[in-house]
Structure formats: C-alpha cells, structure tokens
Amino acid sequence: MEISIQGITKVNYELVIDEDVFNDACEECGLDPANYKKFTKDEWDVLNPHLVQAVIDNESEIDYTEIHVESSVFADTLTIDDSDNLTTVYYDKNRKTDSVEIQ
C-alpha cells in the first residue's frame, strides 16, 4: 500500500546559483553585476523579482532546510493506493473534507 499526502507549506530554502545566473538577473533589470557592491536599496529591490525568477527556474536545485511556519502546512490531498482501490481525499481551504473518491 502506498500512502501520499500533497499540500503546500512555506519553507526556508537555500539555492546556490552560478555567477552567470546572478549576472543575467542583474542585466535583465539594467544593473551592472560588476558593481553590486554599490547597489542602492532601490536597485536591490528592482533585482529581487529577478532573483525570485532564478529560484523558480532552478527549483530542482533547491535545498529545503526547514518548515518556516508550522501553521502554514496544509494537507490538501491524501491518496491511498492499496491493492484493491485508489482512495483520494480532497480537503478544502478550511481543512475540512471536500470530497472522497474511491476508484
């Protein structure tokens, strides 16, 4: 029998990126990566969405270190695959059972 839980949570993570990825992110928003030590707070703010995109683009390389806020953990779907049936339980946003499917 295989039992799996799918859901979402906020986590802390670390992602080591190549210098080229950082340079590309800077250049995409008009910043010179060679001058990063002189970036203003506003320039770091402009860079942030490009860093977020770098994380998204390199998701498979993320090292998840810990759950950020335990109250952010949601079990949205529970799937039990036994030798006879596949049972799937779906929960709504209030953590109440929305539906159950048995196939």
PDB file of N, CA and C in Angstrom:
ATOM      1  N   MET A   1       0.856  -1.170   0.000  1.00  0.00           N
ATOM      2  CA  MET A   1       0.000   0.000   0.000  1.00  0.00           C
ATOM      3  C   MET A   1       0.902   1.233   0.000  1.00  0.00           C
ATOM      4  N   GLU A   2       0.549   2.193  -0.813  1.00  0.00           N
ATOM      5  CA  GLU A   2       1.272   3.461  -0.848  1.00  0.00           C
ATOM      6  C   GLU A   2       0.338   4.572  -0.406  1.00  0.00           C
ATOM      7  N   ILE A   3       0.804   5.392   0.540  1.00  0.00           N
ATOM      8  CA  ILE A   3       0.006   6.499   1.054  1.00  0.00           C
ATOM      9  C   ILE A   3       0.801   7.774   0.829  1.00  0.00           C
ATOM     10  N   SER A   4       0.183   8.755   0.170  1.00  0.00           N
ATOM     11  CA  SER A   4       0.891  10.016  -0.068  1.00  0.00           C
ATOM     12  C   SER A   4       0.016  11.200   0.311  1.00  0.00           C
ATOM     13  N   ILE A   5       0.673  12.261   0.725  1.00  0.00           N
ATOM     14  CA  ILE A   5      -0.001  13.499   1.093  1.00  0.00           C
ATOM     15  C   ILE A   5       0.553  14.597   0.204  1.00  0.00           C
ATOM     16  N   GLN A   6      -0.331  15.359  -0.410  1.00  0.00           N
ATOM     17  CA  GLN A   6       0.079  16.505  -1.203  1.00  0.00           C
ATOM     18  C   GLN A   6      -0.459  17.759  -0.539  1.00  0.00           C
ATOM     19  N   GLY A   7       0.318  18.808  -0.573  1.00  0.00           N
ATOM     20  CA  GLY A   7      -0.133  20.050   0.034  1.00  0.00           C
ATOM     21  C   GLY A   7       0.885  21.142  -0.199  1.00  0.00           C
ATOM     22  N   ILE A   8       0.697  22.232   0.490  1.00  0.00           N
ATOM     23  CA  ILE A   8       1.601  23.361   0.372  1.00  0.00           C
ATOM     24  C   ILE A   8       2.057  23.797   1.751  1.00  0.00           C
ATOM     25  N   THR A   9       3.203  24.427   1.793  1.00  0.00           N
ATOM     26  CA  THR A   9       3.706  24.996   3.029  1.00  0.00           C
ATOM     27  C   THR A   9       4.761  26.035   2.697  1.00  0.00           C
ATOM     28  N   LYS A  10       5.020  26.925   3.615  1.00  0.00           N
ATOM     29  CA  LYS A  10       6.135  27.856   3.476  1.00  0.00           C
ATOM     30  C   LYS A  10       7.353  27.198   4.096  1.00  0.00           C
ATOM     31  N   VAL A  11       8.461  27.257   3.396  1.00  0.00           N
ATOM     32  CA  VAL A  11       9.692  26.658   3.899  1.00  0.00           C
ATOM     33  C   VAL A  11      10.842  27.643   3.765  1.00  0.00           C
ATOM     34  N   ASN A  12      11.861  27.423   4.536  1.00  0.00           N
ATOM     35  CA  ASN A  12      13.129  28.107   4.312  1.00  0.00           C
ATOM     36  C   ASN A  12      13.890  27.268   3.298  1.00  0.00           C
ATOM     37  N   TYR A  13      14.663  27.914   2.455  1.00  0.00           N
ATOM     38  CA  TYR A  13      15.438  27.189   1.468  1.00  0.00           C
ATOM     39  C   TYR A  13      16.756  27.898   1.227  1.00  0.00           C
ATOM     40  N   GLU A  14      17.648  27.168   0.588  1.00  0.00           N
ATOM     41  CA  GLU A  14      18.890  27.757   0.114  1.00  0.00           C
ATOM     42  C   GLU A  14      19.111  27.262  -1.296  1.00  0.00           C
ATOM     43  N   LEU A  15      19.521  28.164  -2.169  1.00  0.00           N
ATOM     44  CA  LEU A  15      19.824  27.813  -3.549  1.00  0.00           C
ATOM     45  C   LEU A  15      21.136  28.485  -3.911  1.00  0.00           C
ATOM     46  N   VAL A  16      22.115  27.693  -4.248  1.00  0.00           N
ATOM     47  CA  VAL A  16      23.385  28.226  -4.720  1.00  0.00           C
ATOM     48  C   VAL A  16      23.268  28.359  -6.233  1.00  0.00           C
ATOM     49  N   ILE A  17      23.496  29.585  -6.733  1.00  0.00           N
ATOM     50  CA  ILE A  17      23.391  29.821  -8.169  1.00  0.00           C
ATOM     51  C   ILE A  17      24.770  30.170  -8.732  1.00  0.00           C
ATOM     52  N   ASP A  18      24.922  29.906 -10.016  1.00  0.00           N
ATOM     53  CA  ASP A  18      26.159  30.282 -10.707  1.00  0.00           C
ATOM     54  C   ASP A  18      26.234  31.793 -10.820  1.00  0.00           C
ATOM     55  N   GLU A  19      27.433  32.279 -10.905  1.00  0.00           N
ATOM     56  CA  GLU A  19      27.637  33.710 -11.086  1.00  0.00           C
ATOM     57  C   GLU A  19      26.940  34.196 -12.358  1.00  0.00           C
ATOM     58  N   ASP A  20      26.905  33.357 -13.382  1.00  0.00           N
ATOM     59  CA  ASP A  20      26.236  33.717 -14.637  1.00  0.00           C
ATOM     60  C   ASP A  20      24.747  33.974 -14.429  1.00  0.00           C
ATOM     61  N   VAL A  21      24.129  33.197 -13.552  1.00  0.00           N
ATOM     62  CA  VAL A  21      22.705  33.384 -13.263  1.00  0.00           C
ATOM     63  C   VAL A  21      22.493  34.733 -12.585  1.00  0.00           C
ATOM     64  N   PHE A  22      23.337  35.054 -11.636  1.00  0.00           N
ATOM     65  CA  PHE A  22      23.264  36.352 -10.964  1.00  0.00           C
ATOM     66  C   PHE A  22      23.487  37.480 -11.967  1.00  0.00           C
ATOM     67  N   ASN A  23      24.515  37.331 -12.804  1.00  0.00           N
ATOM     68  CA  ASN A  23      24.815  38.358 -13.805  1.00  0.00           C
ATOM     69  C   ASN A  23      23.633  38.573 -14.747  1.00  0.00           C
ATOM     70  N   ASP A  24      23.022  37.482 -15.194  1.00  0.00           N
ATOM     71  CA  ASP A  24      21.860  37.591 -16.094  1.00  0.00           C
ATOM     72  C   ASP A  24      20.706  38.312 -15.401  1.00  0.00           C
ATOM     73  N   ALA A  25      20.459  37.985 -14.140  1.00  0.00           N
ATOM     74  CA  ALA A  25      19.375  38.635 -13.390  1.00  0.00           C
ATOM     75  C   ALA A  25      19.631  40.133 -13.290  1.00  0.00           C
ATOM     76  N   CYS A  26      20.866  40.502 -13.019  1.00  0.00           N
ATOM     77  CA  CYS A  26      21.215  41.929 -12.924  1.00  0.00           C
ATOM     78  C   CYS A  26      21.001  42.620 -14.271  1.00  0.00           C
ATOM     79  N   GLU A  27      21.506  42.009 -15.313  1.00  0.00           N
ATOM     80  CA  GLU A  27      21.423  42.616 -16.641  1.00  0.00           C
ATOM     81  C   GLU A  27      19.979  42.741 -17.118  1.00  0.00           C
ATOM     82  N   GLU A  28      19.136  41.781 -16.746  1.00  0.00           N
ATOM     83  CA  GLU A  28      17.722  41.838 -17.144  1.00  0.00           C
ATOM     84  C   GLU A  28      17.022  43.075 -16.594  1.00  0.00           C
ATOM     85  N   CYS A  29      17.496  43.584 -15.474  1.00  0.00           N
ATOM     86  CA  CYS A  29      16.853  44.768 -14.900  1.00  0.00           C
ATOM     87  C   CYS A  29      17.741  46.006 -15.010  1.00  0.00           C
ATOM     88  N   GLY A  30      18.718  45.940 -15.909  1.00  0.00           N
ATOM     89  CA  GLY A  30      19.516  47.126 -16.207  1.00  0.00           C
ATOM     90  C   GLY A  30      20.601  47.455 -15.209  1.00  0.00           C
ATOM     91  N   LEU A  31      21.020  46.479 -14.422  1.00  0.00           N
ATOM     92  CA  LEU A  31      22.075  46.709 -13.433  1.00  0.00           C
ATOM     93  C   LEU A  31      23.377  46.055 -13.897  1.00  0.00           C
ATOM     94  N   ASP A  32      24.483  46.662 -13.538  1.00  0.00           N
ATOM     95  CA  ASP A  32      25.791  46.117 -13.867  1.00  0.00           C
ATOM     96  C   ASP A  32      26.233  45.204 -12.730  1.00  0.00           C
ATOM     97  N   PRO A  33      26.283  43.893 -12.963  1.00  0.00           N
ATOM     98  CA  PRO A  33      26.622  42.976 -11.877  1.00  0.00           C
ATOM     99  C   PRO A  33      28.011  43.218 -11.292  1.00  0.00           C
ATOM    100  N   ALA A  34      28.894  43.785 -12.055  1.00  0.00           N
ATOM    101  CA  ALA A  34      30.242  44.057 -11.549  1.00  0.00           C
ATOM    102  C   ALA A  34      30.235  45.122 -10.452  1.00  0.00           C
ATOM    103  N   ASN A  35      29.177  45.915 -10.404  1.00  0.00           N
ATOM    104  CA  ASN A  35      29.077  46.999  -9.418  1.00  0.00           C
ATOM    105  C   ASN A  35      28.107  46.676  -8.284  1.00  0.00           C
ATOM    106  N   TYR A  36      27.871  45.391  -8.002  1.00  0.00           N
ATOM    107  CA  TYR A  36      26.873  45.027  -6.998  1.00  0.00           C
ATOM    108  C   TYR A  36      27.164  45.627  -5.624  1.00  0.00           C
ATOM    109  N   LYS A  37      28.426  45.879  -5.326  1.00  0.00           N
ATOM    110  CA  LYS A  37      28.762  46.452  -4.014  1.00  0.00           C
ATOM    111  C   LYS A  37      28.261  47.883  -3.871  1.00  0.00           C
ATOM    112  N   LYS A  38      27.945  48.508  -4.983  1.00  0.00           N
ATOM    113  CA  LYS A  38      27.475  49.892  -4.966  1.00  0.00           C
ATOM    114  C   LYS A  38      25.964  50.002  -5.202  1.00  0.00           C
ATOM    115  N   PHE A  39      25.264  48.853  -5.273  1.00  0.00           N
ATOM    116  CA  PHE A  39      23.816  48.914  -5.490  1.00  0.00           C
ATOM    117  C   PHE A  39      23.157  49.659  -4.333  1.00  0.00           C
ATOM    118  N   THR A  40      22.171  50.459  -4.678  1.00  0.00           N
ATOM    119  CA  THR A  40      21.367  51.135  -3.661  1.00  0.00           C
ATOM    120  C   THR A  40      20.264  50.187  -3.189  1.00  0.00           C
ATOM    121  N   LYS A  41      19.578  50.559  -2.129  1.00  0.00           N
ATOM    122  CA  LYS A  41      18.443  49.742  -1.677  1.00  0.00           C
ATOM    123  C   LYS A  41      17.406  49.621  -2.783  1.00  0.00           C
ATOM    124  N   ASP A  42      17.144  50.696  -3.502  1.00  0.00           N
ATOM    125  CA  ASP A  42      16.167  50.652  -4.600  1.00  0.00           C
ATOM    126  C   ASP A  42      16.608  49.687  -5.694  1.00  0.00           C
ATOM    127  N   GLU A  43      17.898  49.662  -5.986  1.00  0.00           N
ATOM    128  CA  GLU A  43      18.387  48.740  -7.012  1.00  0.00           C
ATOM    129  C   GLU A  43      18.278  47.287  -6.558  1.00  0.00           C
ATOM    130  N   TRP A  44      18.560  47.043  -5.270  1.00  0.00           N
ATOM    131  CA  TRP A  44      18.360  45.681  -4.755  1.00  0.00           C
ATOM    132  C   TRP A  44      16.882  45.293  -4.840  1.00  0.00           C
ATOM    133  N   ASP A  45      15.994  46.251  -4.597  1.00  0.00           N
ATOM    134  CA  ASP A  45      14.551  45.986  -4.708  1.00  0.00           C
ATOM    135  C   ASP A  45      14.173  45.639  -6.143  1.00  0.00           C
ATOM    136  N   VAL A  46      14.754  46.345  -7.108  1.00  0.00           N
ATOM    137  CA  VAL A  46      14.481  46.077  -8.524  1.00  0.00           C
ATOM    138  C   VAL A  46      14.988  44.680  -8.906  1.00  0.00           C
ATOM    139  N   LEU A  47      16.095  44.276  -8.326  1.00  0.00           N
ATOM    140  CA  LEU A  47      16.689  42.974  -8.631  1.00  0.00           C
ATOM    141  C   LEU A  47      15.885  41.813  -8.051  1.00  0.00           C
ATOM    142  N   ASN A  48      15.212  42.039  -6.930  1.00  0.00           N
ATOM    143  CA  ASN A  48      14.560  40.947  -6.206  1.00  0.00           C
ATOM    144  C   ASN A  48      13.645  40.069  -7.066  1.00  0.00           C
ATOM    145  N   PRO A  49      12.727  40.635  -7.883  1.00  0.00           N
ATOM    146  CA  PRO A  49      11.875  39.751  -8.686  1.00  0.00           C
ATOM    147  C   PRO A  49      12.674  38.879  -9.657  1.00  0.00           C
ATOM    148  N   HIS A  50      13.806  39.354 -10.097  1.00  0.00           N
ATOM    149  CA  HIS A  50      14.651  38.575 -10.998  1.00  0.00           C
ATOM    150  C   HIS A  50      15.347  37.446 -10.241  1.00  0.00           C
ATOM    151  N   LEU A  51      15.660  37.690  -8.975  1.00  0.00           N
ATOM    152  CA  LEU A  51      16.201  36.620  -8.144  1.00  0.00           C
ATOM    153  C   LEU A  51      15.141  35.558  -7.877  1.00  0.00           C
ATOM    154  N   VAL A  52      13.919  36.003  -7.638  1.00  0.00           N
ATOM    155  CA  VAL A  52      12.811  35.064  -7.442  1.00  0.00           C
ATOM    156  C   VAL A  52      12.657  34.188  -8.683  1.00  0.00           C
ATOM    157  N   GLN A  53      12.741  34.792  -9.855  1.00  0.00           N
ATOM    158  CA  GLN A  53      12.632  34.017 -11.096  1.00  0.00           C
ATOM    159  C   GLN A  53      13.779  33.021 -11.214  1.00  0.00           C
ATOM    160  N   ALA A  54      14.967  33.408 -10.777  1.00  0.00           N
ATOM    161  CA  ALA A  54      16.101  32.480 -10.791  1.00  0.00           C
ATOM    162  C   ALA A  54      15.828  31.275  -9.896  1.00  0.00           C
ATOM    163  N   VAL A  55      15.188  31.512  -8.759  1.00  0.00           N
ATOM    164  CA  VAL A  55      14.822  30.402  -7.870  1.00  0.00           C
ATOM    165  C   VAL A  55      13.810  29.491  -8.555  1.00  0.00           C
ATOM    166  N   ILE A  56      12.800  30.089  -9.168  1.00  0.00           N
ATOM    167  CA  ILE A  56      11.773  29.303  -9.859  1.00  0.00           C
ATOM    168  C   ILE A  56      12.399  28.487 -10.988  1.00  0.00           C
ATOM    169  N   ASP A  57      13.287  29.125 -11.749  1.00  0.00           N
ATOM    170  CA  ASP A  57      13.926  28.451 -12.880  1.00  0.00           C
ATOM    171  C   ASP A  57      14.838  27.310 -12.450  1.00  0.00           C
ATOM    172  N   ASN A  58      15.314  27.360 -11.224  1.00  0.00           N
ATOM    173  CA  ASN A  58      16.258  26.344 -10.724  1.00  0.00           C
ATOM    174  C   ASN A  58      15.669  25.552  -9.563  1.00  0.00           C
ATOM    175  N   GLU A  59      14.371  25.368  -9.577  1.00  0.00           N
ATOM    176  CA  GLU A  59      13.657  24.723  -8.478  1.00  0.00           C
ATOM    177  C   GLU A  59      14.232  23.357  -8.110  1.00  0.00           C
ATOM    178  N   SER A  60      14.679  22.616  -9.092  1.00  0.00           N
ATOM    179  CA  SER A  60      15.184  21.265  -8.802  1.00  0.00           C
ATOM    180  C   SER A  60      16.476  21.294  -7.982  1.00  0.00           C
ATOM    181  N   GLU A  61      17.126  22.424  -7.907  1.00  0.00           N
ATOM    182  CA  GLU A  61      18.381  22.548  -7.178  1.00  0.00           C
ATOM    183  C   GLU A  61      18.200  23.092  -5.758  1.00  0.00           C
ATOM    184  N   ILE A  62      16.973  23.380  -5.371  1.00  0.00           N
ATOM    185  CA  ILE A  62      16.713  23.994  -4.065  1.00  0.00           C
ATOM    186  C   ILE A  62      16.977  22.995  -2.937  1.00  0.00           C
ATOM    187  N   ASP A  63      17.631  23.494  -1.894  1.00  0.00           N
ATOM    188  CA  ASP A  63      17.836  22.728  -0.671  1.00  0.00           C
ATOM    189  C   ASP A  63      16.849  23.266   0.356  1.00  0.00           C
ATOM    190  N   TYR A  64      15.789  22.502   0.613  1.00  0.00           N
ATOM    191  CA  TYR A  64      14.798  22.919   1.598  1.00  0.00           C
ATOM    192  C   TYR A  64      15.344  22.613   2.980  1.00  0.00           C
ATOM    193  N   THR A  65      15.433  23.632   3.820  1.00  0.00           N
ATOM    194  CA  THR A  65      16.099  23.439   5.101  1.00  0.00           C
ATOM    195  C   THR A  65      15.151  23.218   6.272  1.00  0.00           C
ATOM    196  N   GLU A  66      13.978  23.828   6.246  1.00  0.00           N
ATOM    197  CA  GLU A  66      13.046  23.641   7.364  1.00  0.00           C
ATOM    198  C   GLU A  66      11.697  24.263   7.010  1.00  0.00           C
ATOM    199  N   ILE A  67      10.678  23.821   7.703  1.00  0.00           N
ATOM    200  CA  ILE A  67       9.367  24.451   7.557  1.00  0.00           C
ATOM    201  C   ILE A  67       9.430  25.803   8.233  1.00  0.00           C
ATOM    202  N   HIS A  68       8.993  26.827   7.535  1.00  0.00           N
ATOM    203  CA  HIS A  68       9.093  28.195   8.046  1.00  0.00           C
ATOM    204  C   HIS A  68       8.087  28.451   9.162  1.00  0.00           C
ATOM    205  N   VAL A  69       6.849  28.154   8.910  1.00  0.00           N
ATOM    206  CA  VAL A  69       5.784  28.384   9.891  1.00  0.00           C
ATOM    207  C   VAL A  69       4.911  27.128   9.906  1.00  0.00           C
ATOM    208  N   GLU A  70       4.886  26.450  11.031  1.00  0.00           N
ATOM    209  CA  GLU A  70       4.128  25.197  11.087  1.00  0.00           C
ATOM    210  C   GLU A  70       2.662  25.382  10.742  1.00  0.00           C
ATOM    211  N   SER A  71       2.104  26.538  11.049  1.00  0.00           N
ATOM    212  CA  SER A  71       0.688  26.773  10.731  1.00  0.00           C
ATOM    213  C   SER A  71       0.465  26.950   9.232  1.00  0.00           C
ATOM    214  N   SER A  72       1.549  27.028   8.454  1.00  0.00           N
ATOM    215  CA  SER A  72       1.400  27.169   7.006  1.00  0.00           C
ATOM    216  C   SER A  72       1.317  25.819   6.304  1.00  0.00           C
ATOM    217  N   VAL A  73       1.432  24.727   7.047  1.00  0.00           N
ATOM    218  CA  VAL A  73       1.384  23.400   6.441  1.00  0.00           C
ATOM    219  C   VAL A  73      -0.066  23.013   6.175  1.00  0.00           C
ATOM    220  N   PHE A  74      -0.359  22.681   4.940  1.00  0.00           N
ATOM    221  CA  PHE A  74      -1.699  22.243   4.557  1.00  0.00           C
ATOM    222  C   PHE A  74      -1.613  20.880   3.893  1.00  0.00           C
ATOM    223  N   ALA A  75      -2.440  19.968   4.315  1.00  0.00           N
ATOM    224  CA  ALA A  75      -2.587  18.684   3.642  1.00  0.00           C
ATOM    225  C   ALA A  75      -3.831  18.817   2.768  1.00  0.00           C
ATOM    226  N   ASP A  76      -3.611  19.057   1.484  1.00  0.00           N
ATOM    227  CA  ASP A  76      -4.720  19.308   0.559  1.00  0.00           C
ATOM    228  C   ASP A  76      -5.339  18.034   0.023  1.00  0.00           C
ATOM    229  N   THR A  77      -4.504  17.026  -0.168  1.00  0.00           N
ATOM    230  CA  THR A  77      -4.970  15.785  -0.779  1.00  0.00           C
ATOM    231  C   THR A  77      -4.273  14.616  -0.103  1.00  0.00           C
ATOM    232  N   LEU A  78      -5.027  13.573   0.190  1.00  0.00           N
ATOM    233  CA  LEU A  78      -4.475  12.333   0.712  1.00  0.00           C
ATOM    234  C   LEU A  78      -4.825  11.239  -0.284  1.00  0.00           C
ATOM    235  N   THR A  79      -3.828  10.479  -0.713  1.00  0.00           N
ATOM    236  CA  THR A  79      -4.063   9.399  -1.663  1.00  0.00           C
ATOM    237  C   THR A  79      -3.579   8.098  -1.054  1.00  0.00           C
ATOM    238  N   ILE A  80      -4.449   7.100  -1.054  1.00  0.00           N
ATOM    239  CA  ILE A  80      -4.096   5.765  -0.564  1.00  0.00           C
ATOM    240  C   ILE A  80      -4.298   4.798  -1.717  1.00  0.00           C
ATOM    241  N   ASP A  81      -3.200   4.187  -2.132  1.00  0.00           N
ATOM    242  CA  ASP A  81      -3.238   3.239  -3.247  1.00  0.00           C
ATOM    243  C   ASP A  81      -2.944   1.860  -2.679  1.00  0.00           C
ATOM    244  N   ASP A  82      -4.005   1.084  -2.472  1.00  0.00           N
ATOM    245  CA  ASP A  82      -3.805  -0.272  -1.978  1.00  0.00           C
ATOM    246  C   ASP A  82      -4.033  -1.252  -3.131  1.00  0.00           C
ATOM    247  N   SER A  83      -4.007  -2.501  -2.860  1.00  0.00           N
ATOM    248  CA  SER A  83      -4.114  -3.493  -3.939  1.00  0.00           C
ATOM    249  C   SER A  83      -5.502  -3.537  -4.571  1.00  0.00           C
ATOM    250  N   ASP A  84      -6.515  -2.996  -3.897  1.00  0.00           N
ATOM    251  CA  ASP A  84      -7.877  -3.053  -4.417  1.00  0.00           C
ATOM    252  C   ASP A  84      -8.355  -1.740  -5.021  1.00  0.00           C
ATOM    253  N   ASN A  85      -8.035  -0.622  -4.376  1.00  0.00           N
ATOM    254  CA  ASN A  85      -8.603   0.669  -4.782  1.00  0.00           C
ATOM    255  C   ASN A  85      -7.581   1.789  -4.667  1.00  0.00           C
ATOM    256  N   LEU A  86      -7.932   2.894  -5.303  1.00  0.00           N
ATOM    257  CA  LEU A  86      -7.210   4.147  -5.139  1.00  0.00           C
ATOM    258  C   LEU A  86      -8.191   5.092  -4.468  1.00  0.00           C
ATOM    259  N   THR A  87      -7.895   5.468  -3.240  1.00  0.00           N
ATOM    260  CA  THR A  87      -8.760   6.362  -2.484  1.00  0.00           C
ATOM    261  C   THR A  87      -8.094   7.721  -2.407  1.00  0.00           C
ATOM    262  N   THR A  88      -8.830   8.759  -2.803  1.00  0.00           N
ATOM    263  CA  THR A  88      -8.301  10.113  -2.755  1.00  0.00           C
ATOM    264  C   THR A  88      -9.254  10.983  -1.951  1.00  0.00           C
ATOM    265  N   VAL A  89      -8.716  11.659  -0.946  1.00  0.00           N
ATOM    266  CA  VAL A  89      -9.489  12.561  -0.109  1.00  0.00           C
ATOM    267  C   VAL A  89      -9.012  13.975  -0.412  1.00  0.00           C
ATOM    268  N   TYR A  90      -9.944  14.860  -0.765  1.00  0.00           N
ATOM    269  CA  TYR A  90      -9.634  16.256  -1.037  1.00  0.00           C
ATOM    270  C   TYR A  90     -10.162  17.108   0.104  1.00  0.00           C
ATOM    271  N   TYR A  91      -9.311  18.019   0.602  1.00  0.00           N
ATOM    272  CA  TYR A  91      -9.697  18.920   1.674  1.00  0.00           C
ATOM    273  C   TYR A  91      -9.860  20.335   1.121  1.00  0.00           C
ATOM    274  N   ASP A  92     -10.773  21.101   1.694  1.00  0.00           N
ATOM    275  CA  ASP A  92     -10.967  22.487   1.248  1.00  0.00           C
ATOM    276  C   ASP A  92     -10.029  23.417   2.007  1.00  0.00           C
ATOM    277  N   LYS A  93     -10.137  24.713   1.736  1.00  0.00           N
ATOM    278  CA  LYS A  93      -9.227  25.690   2.345  1.00  0.00           C
ATOM    279  C   LYS A  93      -9.386  25.798   3.859  1.00  0.00           C
ATOM    280  N   ASN A  94     -10.502  25.306   4.396  1.00  0.00           N
ATOM    281  CA  ASN A  94     -10.737  25.318   5.839  1.00  0.00           C
ATOM    282  C   ASN A  94     -10.308  24.013   6.500  1.00  0.00           C
ATOM    283  N   ARG A  95      -9.614  23.180   5.735  1.00  0.00           N
ATOM    284  CA  ARG A  95      -9.124  21.883   6.210  1.00  0.00           C
ATOM    285  C   ARG A  95     -10.252  20.910   6.538  1.00  0.00           C
ATOM    286  N   LYS A  96     -11.348  21.078   5.868  1.00  0.00           N
ATOM    287  CA  LYS A  96     -12.484  20.174   6.015  1.00  0.00           C
ATOM    288  C   LYS A  96     -12.549  19.298   4.754  1.00  0.00           C
ATOM    289  N   THR A  97     -13.063  18.097   4.890  1.00  0.00           N
ATOM    290  CA  THR A  97     -13.177  17.200   3.755  1.00  0.00           C
ATOM    291  C   THR A  97     -14.118  17.801   2.719  1.00  0.00           C
ATOM    292  N   ASP A  98     -13.601  17.932   1.497  1.00  0.00           N
ATOM    293  CA  ASP A  98     -14.400  18.436   0.389  1.00  0.00           C
ATOM    294  C   ASP A  98     -15.045  17.285  -0.355  1.00  0.00           C
ATOM    295  N   SER A  99     -14.245  16.260  -0.665  1.00  0.00           N
ATOM    296  CA  SER A  99     -14.802  15.093  -1.346  1.00  0.00           C
ATOM    297  C   SER A  99     -13.860  13.906  -1.170  1.00  0.00           C
ATOM    298  N   VAL A 100     -14.424  12.718  -1.403  1.00  0.00           N
ATOM    299  CA  VAL A 100     -13.669  11.473  -1.340  1.00  0.00           C
ATOM    300  C   VAL A 100     -13.981  10.705  -2.613  1.00  0.00           C
ATOM    301  N   GLU A 101     -12.922  10.255  -3.279  1.00  0.00           N
ATOM    302  CA  GLU A 101     -13.095   9.436  -4.486  1.00  0.00           C
ATOM    303  C   GLU A 101     -12.461   8.083  -4.251  1.00  0.00           C
ATOM    304  N   ILE A 102     -13.206   7.034  -4.576  1.00  0.00           N
ATOM    305  CA  ILE A 102     -12.664   5.677  -4.491  1.00  0.00           C
ATOM    306  C   ILE A 102     -12.797   5.076  -5.879  1.00  0.00           C
ATOM    307  N   GLN A 103     -11.670   4.674  -6.412  1.00  0.00           N
ATOM    308  CA  GLN A 103     -11.665   4.101  -7.783  1.00  0.00           C
ATOM    309  C   GLN A 103     -11.155   2.691  -7.748  1.00  0.00           C
TER     310      GLN A 103
END
